[in-house]
């Protein structure tokens, strides 16, 4: 059975204080409807991090999945870049 394509987003980890969960801030740019100015919009998503590998400031790729809890609907797909000065 083929898995359907899932949405993927790239963002920065802003919190890793929960067990197996990280909060990822995803910033996108959009044009204001009336004034046509380009503005930044930041959304925060809770993502499942099974091995607790993500640290604060890491750039990660997340993909959508089935609901894992009340707020979690995303999985950490990959850690793109570790934060500078991170302790391993």
PDB file of N, CA and C in Angstrom:
ATOM      1  N   UNK A   1       0.851  -1.183   0.000  1.00  0.00           N
ATOM      2  CA  UNK A   1       0.000   0.000   0.000  1.00  0.00           C
ATOM      3  C   UNK A   1       0.889   1.237   0.000  1.00  0.00           C
ATOM      4  N   UNK A   2       0.594   2.176  -0.877  1.00  0.00           N
ATOM      5  CA  UNK A   2       1.397   3.381  -1.006  1.00  0.00           C
ATOM      6  C   UNK A   2       0.898   4.455  -0.050  1.00  0.00           C
ATOM      7  N   UNK A   3       1.839   5.060   0.667  1.00  0.00           N
ATOM      8  CA  UNK A   3       1.490   6.157   1.569  1.00  0.00           C
ATOM      9  C   UNK A   3       1.274   7.415   0.742  1.00  0.00           C
ATOM     10  N   UNK A   4       0.188   8.112   1.011  1.00  0.00           N
ATOM     11  CA  UNK A   4      -0.096   9.339   0.272  1.00  0.00           C
ATOM     12  C   UNK A   4       0.911  10.421   0.643  1.00  0.00           C
ATOM     13  N   UNK A   5       1.041  11.400  -0.223  1.00  0.00           N
ATOM     14  CA  UNK A   5       1.974  12.486   0.057  1.00  0.00           C
ATOM     15  C   UNK A   5       1.457  13.302   1.226  1.00  0.00           C
ATOM     16  N   UNK A   6       2.375  13.706   2.069  1.00  0.00           N
ATOM     17  CA  UNK A   6       2.003  14.448   3.267  1.00  0.00           C
ATOM     18  C   UNK A   6       2.611  15.839   3.218  1.00  0.00           C
ATOM     19  N   UNK A   7       1.952  16.790   3.864  1.00  0.00           N
ATOM     20  CA  UNK A   7       2.475  18.144   3.914  1.00  0.00           C
ATOM     21  C   UNK A   7       3.762  18.150   4.735  1.00  0.00           C
ATOM     22  N   UNK A   8       4.737  18.923   4.290  1.00  0.00           N
ATOM     23  CA  UNK A   8       5.969  19.096   5.044  1.00  0.00           C
ATOM     24  C   UNK A   8       6.229  20.583   5.215  1.00  0.00           C
ATOM     25  N   UNK A   9       6.755  20.938   6.373  1.00  0.00           N
ATOM     26  CA  UNK A   9       7.094  22.316   6.682  1.00  0.00           C
ATOM     27  C   UNK A   9       8.490  22.344   7.286  1.00  0.00           C
ATOM     28  N   UNK A  10       9.150  23.491   7.200  1.00  0.00           N
ATOM     29  CA  UNK A  10      10.472  23.669   7.787  1.00  0.00           C
ATOM     30  C   UNK A  10      10.409  24.822   8.775  1.00  0.00           C
ATOM     31  N   UNK A  11      10.963  24.603   9.967  1.00  0.00           N
ATOM     32  CA  UNK A  11      10.920  25.651  10.976  1.00  0.00           C
ATOM     33  C   UNK A  11      12.015  25.486  12.010  1.00  0.00           C
ATOM     34  N   UNK A  12      11.924  26.295  13.050  1.00  0.00           N
ATOM     35  CA  UNK A  12      12.913  26.329  14.118  1.00  0.00           C
ATOM     36  C   UNK A  12      12.283  25.857  15.414  1.00  0.00           C
ATOM     37  N   UNK A  13      13.014  25.029  16.158  1.00  0.00           N
ATOM     38  CA  UNK A  13      12.524  24.539  17.444  1.00  0.00           C
ATOM     39  C   UNK A  13      12.613  25.670  18.461  1.00  0.00           C
ATOM     40  N   UNK A  14      11.483  26.005  19.079  1.00  0.00           N
ATOM     41  CA  UNK A  14      11.464  27.069  20.081  1.00  0.00           C
ATOM     42  C   UNK A  14      11.295  26.523  21.494  1.00  0.00           C
ATOM     43  N   UNK A  15      10.890  25.256  21.631  1.00  0.00           N
ATOM     44  CA  UNK A  15      10.769  24.641  22.948  1.00  0.00           C
ATOM     45  C   UNK A  15      10.926  23.134  22.827  1.00  0.00           C
ATOM     46  N   UNK A  16      11.698  22.559  23.761  1.00  0.00           N
ATOM     47  CA  UNK A  16      11.837  21.101  23.817  1.00  0.00           C
ATOM     48  C   UNK A  16      11.683  20.606  25.254  1.00  0.00           C
ATOM     49  N   UNK A  17      10.911  21.302  26.045  1.00  0.00           N
ATOM     50  CA  UNK A  17      10.782  20.987  27.467  1.00  0.00           C
ATOM     51  C   UNK A  17       9.836  19.822  27.743  1.00  0.00           C
ATOM     52  N   UNK A  18       9.005  19.467  26.758  1.00  0.00           N
ATOM     53  CA  UNK A  18       8.090  18.346  26.947  1.00  0.00           C
ATOM     54  C   UNK A  18       8.786  17.046  26.555  1.00  0.00           C
ATOM     55  N   UNK A  19       8.284  15.929  27.068  1.00  0.00           N
ATOM     56  CA  UNK A  19       8.854  14.634  26.731  1.00  0.00           C
ATOM     57  C   UNK A  19       8.332  14.185  25.369  1.00  0.00           C
ATOM     58  N   UNK A  20       9.256  13.914  24.443  1.00  0.00           N
ATOM     59  CA  UNK A  20       8.944  13.444  23.090  1.00  0.00           C
ATOM     60  C   UNK A  20       8.120  14.439  22.274  1.00  0.00           C
ATOM     61  N   UNK A  21       8.154  15.699  22.641  1.00  0.00           N
ATOM     62  CA  UNK A  21       7.412  16.732  21.919  1.00  0.00           C
ATOM     63  C   UNK A  21       8.266  17.984  21.810  1.00  0.00           C
ATOM     64  N   UNK A  22       8.253  18.603  20.635  1.00  0.00           N
ATOM     65  CA  UNK A  22       8.912  19.889  20.438  1.00  0.00           C
ATOM     66  C   UNK A  22       7.903  20.864  19.835  1.00  0.00           C
ATOM     67  N   UNK A  23       8.128  22.139  20.094  1.00  0.00           N
ATOM     68  CA  UNK A  23       7.310  23.188  19.487  1.00  0.00           C
ATOM     69  C   UNK A  23       8.154  23.816  18.388  1.00  0.00           C
ATOM     70  N   UNK A  24       7.617  23.811  17.168  1.00  0.00           N
ATOM     71  CA  UNK A  24       8.341  24.302  15.997  1.00  0.00           C
ATOM     72  C   UNK A  24       7.639  25.549  15.476  1.00  0.00           C
ATOM     73  N   UNK A  25       8.402  26.650  15.340  1.00  0.00           N
ATOM     74  CA  UNK A  25       7.872  27.894  14.788  1.00  0.00           C
ATOM     75  C   UNK A  25       8.170  27.928  13.297  1.00  0.00           C
ATOM     76  N   UNK A  26       7.129  28.023  12.479  1.00  0.00           N
ATOM     77  CA  UNK A  26       7.262  28.059  11.018  1.00  0.00           C
ATOM     78  C   UNK A  26       6.874  29.460  10.554  1.00  0.00           C
ATOM     79  N   UNK A  27       7.819  30.145   9.899  1.00  0.00           N
ATOM     80  CA  UNK A  27       7.579  31.497   9.421  1.00  0.00           C
ATOM     81  C   UNK A  27       7.361  31.476   7.913  1.00  0.00           C
ATOM     82  N   UNK A  28       6.262  32.080   7.490  1.00  0.00           N
ATOM     83  CA  UNK A  28       5.966  32.205   6.060  1.00  0.00           C
ATOM     84  C   UNK A  28       5.724  33.673   5.751  1.00  0.00           C
ATOM     85  N   UNK A  29       5.867  34.027   4.480  1.00  0.00           N
ATOM     86  CA  UNK A  29       5.569  35.399   4.068  1.00  0.00           C
ATOM     87  C   UNK A  29       4.302  35.383   3.229  1.00  0.00           C
ATOM     88  N   UNK A  30       3.501  36.402   3.410  1.00  0.00           N
ATOM     89  CA  UNK A  30       2.257  36.528   2.659  1.00  0.00           C
ATOM     90  C   UNK A  30       2.007  38.002   2.347  1.00  0.00           C
ATOM     91  N   UNK A  31       1.193  38.244   1.375  1.00  0.00           N
ATOM     92  CA  UNK A  31       0.886  39.613   0.986  1.00  0.00           C
ATOM     93  C   UNK A  31      -0.392  40.055   1.673  1.00  0.00           C
ATOM     94  N   UNK A  32      -0.365  41.244   2.266  1.00  0.00           N
ATOM     95  CA  UNK A  32      -1.536  41.803   2.924  1.00  0.00           C
ATOM     96  C   UNK A  32      -2.619  42.054   1.875  1.00  0.00           C
ATOM     97  N   UNK A  33      -3.857  41.706   2.214  1.00  0.00           N
ATOM     98  CA  UNK A  33      -4.942  41.788   1.247  1.00  0.00           C
ATOM     99  C   UNK A  33      -5.239  43.184   0.745  1.00  0.00           C
ATOM    100  N   UNK A  34      -5.210  44.166   1.623  1.00  0.00           N
ATOM    101  CA  UNK A  34      -5.574  45.516   1.219  1.00  0.00           C
ATOM    102  C   UNK A  34      -4.359  46.354   0.819  1.00  0.00           C
ATOM    103  N   UNK A  35      -3.274  46.252   1.591  1.00  0.00           N
ATOM    104  CA  UNK A  35      -2.142  47.156   1.388  1.00  0.00           C
ATOM    105  C   UNK A  35      -1.027  46.564   0.542  1.00  0.00           C
ATOM    106  N   UNK A  36      -1.119  45.298   0.185  1.00  0.00           N
ATOM    107  CA  UNK A  36      -0.139  44.613  -0.669  1.00  0.00           C
ATOM    108  C   UNK A  36       1.268  44.617  -0.104  1.00  0.00           C
ATOM    109  N   UNK A  37       1.411  44.827   1.187  1.00  0.00           N
ATOM    110  CA  UNK A  37       2.724  44.770   1.828  1.00  0.00           C
ATOM    111  C   UNK A  37       3.022  43.317   2.181  1.00  0.00           C
ATOM    112  N   UNK A  38       4.282  42.908   2.008  1.00  0.00           N
ATOM    113  CA  UNK A  38       4.699  41.558   2.373  1.00  0.00           C
ATOM    114  C   UNK A  38       4.898  41.519   3.886  1.00  0.00           C
ATOM    115  N   UNK A  39       4.212  40.593   4.556  1.00  0.00           N
ATOM    116  CA  UNK A  39       4.319  40.472   6.011  1.00  0.00           C
ATOM    117  C   UNK A  39       4.715  39.046   6.374  1.00  0.00           C
ATOM    118  N   UNK A  40       5.363  38.913   7.545  1.00  0.00           N
ATOM    119  CA  UNK A  40       5.747  37.605   8.052  1.00  0.00           C
ATOM    120  C   UNK A  40       4.643  37.076   8.953  1.00  0.00           C
ATOM    121  N   UNK A  41       4.320  35.808   8.799  1.00  0.00           N
ATOM    122  CA  UNK A  41       3.336  35.145   9.648  1.00  0.00           C
ATOM    123  C   UNK A  41       4.030  33.952  10.279  1.00  0.00           C
ATOM    124  N   UNK A  42       3.992  33.860  11.609  1.00  0.00           N
ATOM    125  CA  UNK A  42       4.629  32.759  12.313  1.00  0.00           C
ATOM    126  C   UNK A  42       3.566  31.906  12.981  1.00  0.00           C
ATOM    127  N   UNK A  43       3.587  30.607  12.689  1.00  0.00           N
ATOM    128  CA  UNK A  43       2.691  29.653  13.326  1.00  0.00           C
ATOM    129  C   UNK A  43       3.529  28.651  14.111  1.00  0.00           C
ATOM    130  N   UNK A  44       3.004  28.229  15.250  1.00  0.00           N
ATOM    131  CA  UNK A  44       3.700  27.243  16.078  1.00  0.00           C
ATOM    132  C   UNK A  44       2.967  25.915  15.995  1.00  0.00           C
ATOM    133  N   UNK A  45       3.731  24.846  15.799  1.00  0.00           N
ATOM    134  CA  UNK A  45       3.185  23.500  15.710  1.00  0.00           C
ATOM    135  C   UNK A  45       3.878  22.609  16.731  1.00  0.00           C
ATOM    136  N   UNK A  46       3.098  21.757  17.402  1.00  0.00           N
ATOM    137  CA  UNK A  46       3.685  20.750  18.283  1.00  0.00           C
ATOM    138  C   UNK A  46       3.963  19.516  17.445  1.00  0.00           C
ATOM    139  N   UNK A  47       5.192  19.012  17.519  1.00  0.00           N
ATOM    140  CA  UNK A  47       5.602  17.873  16.702  1.00  0.00           C
ATOM    141  C   UNK A  47       6.176  16.775  17.590  1.00  0.00           C
ATOM    142  N   UNK A  48       5.972  15.533  17.169  1.00  0.00           N
ATOM    143  CA  UNK A  48       6.441  14.366  17.907  1.00  0.00           C
ATOM    144  C   UNK A  48       7.920  14.120  17.601  1.00  0.00           C
ATOM    145  N   UNK A  49       8.731  14.048  18.657  1.00  0.00           N
ATOM    146  CA  UNK A  49      10.165  13.788  18.540  1.00  0.00           C
ATOM    147  C   UNK A  49      10.453  12.534  19.359  1.00  0.00           C
ATOM    148  N   UNK A  50      10.385  11.370  18.718  1.00  0.00           N
ATOM    149  CA  UNK A  50      10.420  10.082  19.409  1.00  0.00           C
ATOM    150  C   UNK A  50      11.667   9.900  20.270  1.00  0.00           C
ATOM    151  N   UNK A  51      12.849  10.313  19.788  1.00  0.00           N
ATOM    152  CA  UNK A  51      14.100  10.054  20.505  1.00  0.00           C
ATOM    153  C   UNK A  51      14.605  11.255  21.294  1.00  0.00           C
ATOM    154  N   UNK A  52      13.827  12.311  21.396  1.00  0.00           N
ATOM    155  CA  UNK A  52      14.234  13.539  22.099  1.00  0.00           C
ATOM    156  C   UNK A  52      15.573  14.060  21.577  1.00  0.00           C
ATOM    157  N   UNK A  53      15.748  14.078  20.259  1.00  0.00           N
ATOM    158  CA  UNK A  53      17.009  14.506  19.650  1.00  0.00           C
ATOM    159  C   UNK A  53      17.076  16.005  19.404  1.00  0.00           C
ATOM    160  N   UNK A  54      15.952  16.664  19.250  1.00  0.00           N
ATOM    161  CA  UNK A  54      15.932  18.081  18.874  1.00  0.00           C
ATOM    162  C   UNK A  54      16.284  18.967  20.058  1.00  0.00           C
ATOM    163  N   UNK A  55      17.022  20.030  19.764  1.00  0.00           N
ATOM    164  CA  UNK A  55      17.371  21.017  20.774  1.00  0.00           C
ATOM    165  C   UNK A  55      16.839  22.380  20.374  1.00  0.00           C
ATOM    166  N   UNK A  56      16.916  23.303  21.306  1.00  0.00           N
ATOM    167  CA  UNK A  56      16.453  24.664  21.036  1.00  0.00           C
ATOM    168  C   UNK A  56      17.273  25.274  19.896  1.00  0.00           C
ATOM    169  N   UNK A  57      16.585  25.892  18.941  1.00  0.00           N
ATOM    170  CA  UNK A  57      17.264  26.568  17.848  1.00  0.00           C
ATOM    171  C   UNK A  57      17.566  25.699  16.646  1.00  0.00           C
ATOM    172  N   UNK A  58      17.319  24.395  16.725  1.00  0.00           N
ATOM    173  CA  UNK A  58      17.562  23.515  15.586  1.00  0.00           C
ATOM    174  C   UNK A  58      16.575  23.812  14.464  1.00  0.00           C
ATOM    175  N   UNK A  59      17.043  23.701  13.210  1.00  0.00           N
ATOM    176  CA  UNK A  59      16.137  23.789  12.058  1.00  0.00           C
ATOM    177  C   UNK A  59      15.699  22.376  11.735  1.00  0.00           C
ATOM    178  N   UNK A  60      14.389  22.167  11.683  1.00  0.00           N
ATOM    179  CA  UNK A  60      13.854  20.826  11.466  1.00  0.00           C
ATOM    180  C   UNK A  60      12.808  20.840  10.357  1.00  0.00           C
ATOM    181  N   UNK A  61      12.600  19.671   9.787  1.00  0.00           N
ATOM    182  CA  UNK A  61      11.539  19.458   8.818  1.00  0.00           C
ATOM    183  C   UNK A  61      10.478  18.611   9.508  1.00  0.00           C
ATOM    184  N   UNK A  62       9.214  19.038   9.424  1.00  0.00           N
ATOM    185  CA  UNK A  62       8.129  18.288  10.048  1.00  0.00           C
ATOM    186  C   UNK A  62       7.137  17.865   8.976  1.00  0.00           C
ATOM    187  N   UNK A  63       6.483  16.713   9.200  1.00  0.00           N
ATOM    188  CA  UNK A  63       5.469  16.235   8.263  1.00  0.00           C
ATOM    189  C   UNK A  63       4.203  15.916   9.026  1.00  0.00           C
ATOM    190  N   UNK A  64       3.063  16.088   8.360  1.00  0.00           N
ATOM    191  CA  UNK A  64       1.798  15.843   9.026  1.00  0.00           C
ATOM    192  C   UNK A  64       1.582  14.350   9.227  1.00  0.00           C
ATOM    193  N   UNK A  65       0.800  14.020  10.254  1.00  0.00           N
ATOM    194  CA  UNK A  65       0.503  12.628  10.560  1.00  0.00           C
ATOM    195  C   UNK A  65      -0.874  12.570  11.223  1.00  0.00           C
ATOM    196  N   UNK A  66      -1.254  11.382  11.649  1.00  0.00           N
ATOM    197  CA  UNK A  66      -2.528  11.228  12.331  1.00  0.00           C
ATOM    198  C   UNK A  66      -2.466  11.958  13.678  1.00  0.00           C
ATOM    199  N   UNK A  67      -3.579  12.304  14.277  1.00  0.00           N
ATOM    200  CA  UNK A  67      -3.556  12.960  15.588  1.00  0.00           C
ATOM    201  C   UNK A  67      -2.914  12.059  16.640  1.00  0.00           C
ATOM    202  N   UNK A  68      -1.880  12.591  17.301  1.00  0.00           N
ATOM    203  CA  UNK A  68      -1.174  11.840  18.338  1.00  0.00           C
ATOM    204  C   UNK A  68      -1.633  12.245  19.729  1.00  0.00           C
ATOM    205  N   UNK A  69      -2.158  13.443  19.870  1.00  0.00           N
ATOM    206  CA  UNK A  69      -2.708  13.923  21.133  1.00  0.00           C
ATOM    207  C   UNK A  69      -3.667  15.070  20.798  1.00  0.00           C
ATOM    208  N   UNK A  70      -4.071  15.805  21.802  1.00  0.00           N
ATOM    209  CA  UNK A  70      -5.008  16.917  21.585  1.00  0.00           C
ATOM    210  C   UNK A  70      -4.449  17.950  20.603  1.00  0.00           C
ATOM    211  N   UNK A  71      -3.155  18.244  20.696  1.00  0.00           N
ATOM    212  CA  UNK A  71      -2.551  19.292  19.875  1.00  0.00           C
ATOM    213  C   UNK A  71      -1.550  18.784  18.842  1.00  0.00           C
ATOM    214  N   UNK A  72      -1.046  17.573  18.995  1.00  0.00           N
ATOM    215  CA  UNK A  72       0.028  17.074  18.123  1.00  0.00           C
ATOM    216  C   UNK A  72      -0.523  16.399  16.874  1.00  0.00           C
ATOM    217  N   UNK A  73      -0.172  16.981  15.698  1.00  0.00           N
ATOM    218  CA  UNK A  73      -0.552  16.390  14.422  1.00  0.00           C
ATOM    219  C   UNK A  73       0.630  16.343  13.460  1.00  0.00           C
ATOM    220  N   UNK A  74       1.849  16.509  13.971  1.00  0.00           N
ATOM    221  CA  UNK A  74       3.051  16.571  13.146  1.00  0.00           C
ATOM    222  C   UNK A  74       4.138  15.679  13.734  1.00  0.00           C
ATOM    223  N   UNK A  75       5.002  15.141  12.859  1.00  0.00           N
ATOM    224  CA  UNK A  75       6.173  14.353  13.228  1.00  0.00           C
ATOM    225  C   UNK A  75       7.420  15.095  12.792  1.00  0.00           C
ATOM    226  N   UNK A  76       8.509  14.979  13.558  1.00  0.00           N
ATOM    227  CA  UNK A  76       9.787  15.514  13.108  1.00  0.00           C
ATOM    228  C   UNK A  76      10.333  14.547  12.075  1.00  0.00           C
ATOM    229  N   UNK A  77      10.453  15.004  10.825  1.00  0.00           N
ATOM    230  CA  UNK A  77      10.937  14.140   9.745  1.00  0.00           C
ATOM    231  C   UNK A  77      12.460  14.090   9.734  1.00  0.00           C
ATOM    232  N   UNK A  78      13.102  15.252   9.911  1.00  0.00           N
ATOM    233  CA  UNK A  78      14.566  15.302   9.873  1.00  0.00           C
ATOM    234  C   UNK A  78      15.058  16.563  10.569  1.00  0.00           C
ATOM    235  N   UNK A  79      16.264  16.454  11.132  1.00  0.00           N
ATOM    236  CA  UNK A  79      16.937  17.622  11.682  1.00  0.00           C
ATOM    237  C   UNK A  79      17.850  18.139  10.580  1.00  0.00           C
ATOM    238  N   UNK A  80      17.540  19.314  10.071  1.00  0.00           N
ATOM    239  CA  UNK A  80      18.283  19.865   8.950  1.00  0.00           C
ATOM    240  C   UNK A  80      19.602  20.455   9.415  1.00  0.00           C
ATOM    241  N   UNK A  81      19.564  21.214  10.517  1.00  0.00           N
ATOM    242  CA  UNK A  81      20.758  21.889  11.004  1.00  0.00           C
ATOM    243  C   UNK A  81      20.668  22.017  12.519  1.00  0.00           C
ATOM    244  N   UNK A  82      21.737  21.610  13.201  1.00  0.00           N
ATOM    245  CA  UNK A  82      21.786  21.767  14.651  1.00  0.00           C
ATOM    246  C   UNK A  82      22.083  23.218  14.976  1.00  0.00           C
ATOM    247  N   UNK A  83      21.627  23.673  16.119  1.00  0.00           N
ATOM    248  CA  UNK A  83      21.840  25.048  16.531  1.00  0.00           C
ATOM    249  C   UNK A  83      23.322  25.271  16.822  1.00  0.00           C
ATOM    250  N   UNK A  84      23.863  26.454  16.480  1.00  0.00           N
ATOM    251  CA  UNK A  84      25.266  26.712  16.800  1.00  0.00           C
ATOM    252  C   UNK A  84      25.476  26.743  18.311  1.00  0.00           C
ATOM    253  N   UNK A  85      26.524  26.100  18.762  1.00  0.00           N
ATOM    254  CA  UNK A  85      26.827  26.059  20.186  1.00  0.00           C
ATOM    255  C   UNK A  85      26.002  25.030  20.938  1.00  0.00           C
ATOM    256  N   UNK A  86      25.355  24.126  20.224  1.00  0.00           N
ATOM    257  CA  UNK A  86      24.533  23.091  20.888  1.00  0.00           C
ATOM    258  C   UNK A  86      25.431  22.058  21.553  1.00  0.00           C
ATOM    259  N   UNK A  87      24.995  21.575  22.692  1.00  0.00           N
ATOM    260  CA  UNK A  87      25.728  20.537  23.425  1.00  0.00           C
ATOM    261  C   UNK A  87      25.188  19.193  22.982  1.00  0.00           C
ATOM    262  N   UNK A  88      26.068  18.301  22.550  1.00  0.00           N
ATOM    263  CA  UNK A  88      25.629  16.995  22.041  1.00  0.00           C
ATOM    264  C   UNK A  88      25.687  15.959  23.117  1.00  0.00           C
TER     265      UNK A  88
END
